[in-house]
Amino acid sequence: GTPVDVIDHQPHQLSMFGPEEEIIVHKTSPSVRIGITLVSRRRLPRGYHKHLAVISLVSPYSLAARTGLSEYDVITHVNGTPAISSRHCVTMIRDAVGLVRIKIRRPPAWLHKA
């Protein structure tokens, strides 16, 4: 298989991740926060490429938690636009209003075992 440290944003290099899923969050205004924190580029876990938007924290009882977003999920698209970095992803989600379509890929369970 692909060595864990060379996963890239290209779909074939996310092949060990689960299938793409679409999560829909309803934001009533740009000031509404959905309740996720993304990993900064310098702190990505082993096995994640720097261009991936990886969730590091989902706040309890948040919109994100209620829709099933989880720690270590990789956000691939927001409203059809590819997420090319964590910063880009945060901007797209922050500025969105209405139904926000977030496509994710979930990591394999073994990737985060100690």
Protein backbone atom coordinates (compact mmCIF):
# COMPACT_ATOMS: atom_id res chain seq x y z
CA GLY A 1 0.00 0.00 0.00
CA THR A 2 0.86 3.68 0.01
CA PRO A 3 3.23 4.73 2.82
CA VAL A 4 1.25 6.69 5.38
CA ASP A 5 3.48 9.79 5.12
CA VAL A 6 2.78 10.46 1.44
CA ILE A 7 -1.00 10.81 1.50
CA ASP A 8 -1.88 13.73 -0.74
CA HIS A 9 -5.10 15.58 -1.53
CA GLN A 10 -5.57 13.56 -4.73
CA PRO A 11 -8.46 11.07 -4.43
CA HIS A 12 -6.32 8.04 -5.30
CA GLN A 13 -3.95 8.95 -2.48
CA LEU A 14 -6.83 9.09 0.01
CA SER A 15 -7.77 5.56 -1.00
CA MET A 16 -7.20 4.15 2.49
CA PHE A 17 -9.79 6.61 3.81
CA GLY A 18 -13.50 5.83 3.75
CA PRO A 19 -15.73 6.80 0.83
CA GLU A 20 -16.65 10.43 0.37
CA GLU A 21 -19.69 11.40 2.44
CA GLU A 22 -21.71 14.59 2.30
CA ILE A 23 -22.68 16.31 5.54
CA ILE A 24 -25.19 19.17 5.35
CA VAL A 25 -25.12 21.90 7.98
CA HIS A 26 -27.63 24.75 8.08
CA LYS A 27 -26.14 28.14 8.94
CA THR A 28 -28.62 30.97 9.42
CA SER A 29 -25.94 33.69 9.17
CA PRO A 30 -22.17 34.05 8.63
CA SER A 31 -21.75 34.62 12.38
CA VAL A 32 -23.02 31.11 13.18
CA ARG A 33 -20.14 28.80 14.07
CA ILE A 34 -20.54 25.11 13.25
CA GLY A 35 -18.22 23.97 16.06
CA ILE A 36 -15.11 22.51 14.45
CA THR A 37 -11.43 23.29 14.77
CA LEU A 38 -9.07 22.32 11.99
CA VAL A 39 -5.47 21.25 12.47
CA SER A 40 -2.92 23.88 11.55
CA ARG A 41 -0.52 22.84 8.81
CA ARG A 42 2.40 22.57 11.21
CA ARG A 43 0.53 20.24 13.57
CA LEU A 44 -0.97 17.69 11.16
CA PRO A 45 -0.85 14.15 12.54
CA ARG A 46 1.50 11.64 10.93
CA GLY A 47 -0.08 10.37 7.75
CA TYR A 48 -1.74 13.61 6.64
CA HIS A 49 -0.46 15.78 3.80
CA LYS A 50 -0.14 19.53 4.41
CA HIS A 51 -2.88 20.37 1.91
CA LEU A 52 -5.55 18.42 3.74
CA ALA A 53 -8.18 20.12 5.89
CA VAL A 54 -8.31 17.84 8.94
CA ILE A 55 -10.74 18.26 11.84
CA SER A 56 -8.92 18.30 15.18
CA LEU A 57 -11.87 19.08 17.45
CA VAL A 58 -15.65 18.90 17.27
CA SER A 59 -17.37 20.89 20.01
CA PRO A 60 -19.98 18.90 21.95
CA TYR A 61 -23.61 19.79 21.10
CA SER A 62 -22.48 21.89 18.10
CA LEU A 63 -24.00 21.82 14.61
CA ALA A 64 -21.00 19.75 13.53
CA ALA A 65 -21.49 17.22 16.33
CA ARG A 66 -25.20 16.89 15.55
CA THR A 67 -24.47 16.17 11.88
CA GLY A 68 -21.82 13.54 12.59
CA LEU A 69 -18.53 15.31 11.85
CA SER A 70 -15.69 13.71 13.81
CA GLU A 71 -12.11 14.31 14.87
CA TYR A 72 -9.62 13.40 12.08
CA ASP A 73 -12.23 13.59 9.29
CA VAL A 74 -10.73 15.16 6.16
CA ILE A 75 -12.85 17.87 4.55
CA THR A 76 -12.48 17.58 0.78
CA HIS A 77 -15.09 20.08 -0.49
CA VAL A 78 -17.34 22.86 0.80
CA ASN A 79 -20.36 23.61 -1.41
CA GLY A 80 -18.64 21.89 -4.33
CA THR A 81 -15.34 23.79 -4.04
CA PRO A 82 -12.24 21.70 -3.24
CA ALA A 83 -10.74 22.48 0.17
CA ILE A 84 -7.07 23.10 -0.64
CA SER A 85 -5.96 23.90 2.91
CA SER A 86 -7.32 24.28 6.43
CA ARG A 87 -7.32 28.07 6.12
CA HIS A 88 -9.23 27.94 2.82
CA CYS A 89 -11.74 25.52 4.33
CA VAL A 90 -12.31 27.69 7.42
CA THR A 91 -12.95 30.73 5.19
CA MET A 92 -15.44 28.88 2.99
CA ILE A 93 -17.40 27.51 5.97
CA ARG A 94 -17.29 30.81 7.87
CA ASP A 95 -18.60 32.83 4.92
CA ALA A 96 -21.33 30.36 3.93
CA VAL A 97 -25.00 30.93 4.73
CA GLY A 98 -27.89 28.50 4.36
CA LEU A 99 -27.28 24.85 3.56
CA VAL A 100 -23.55 24.18 3.69
CA ARG A 101 -22.58 20.96 1.94
CA ILE A 102 -19.38 19.55 3.42
CA LYS A 103 -17.80 16.51 1.77
CA ILE A 104 -15.55 14.44 4.00
CA ARG A 105 -13.46 11.29 3.98
CA ARG A 106 -13.11 9.40 7.26
CA PRO A 107 -9.73 7.92 8.22
CA PRO A 108 -9.22 4.21 8.78
CA ALA A 109 -9.44 3.29 12.48
CA TRP A 110 -5.84 2.03 12.57
CA LEU A 111 -4.38 5.40 11.59
CA HIS A 112 -4.91 6.89 15.07
CA LYS A 113 -4.22 3.95 17.33
CA ALA A 114 -1.35 4.55 19.70
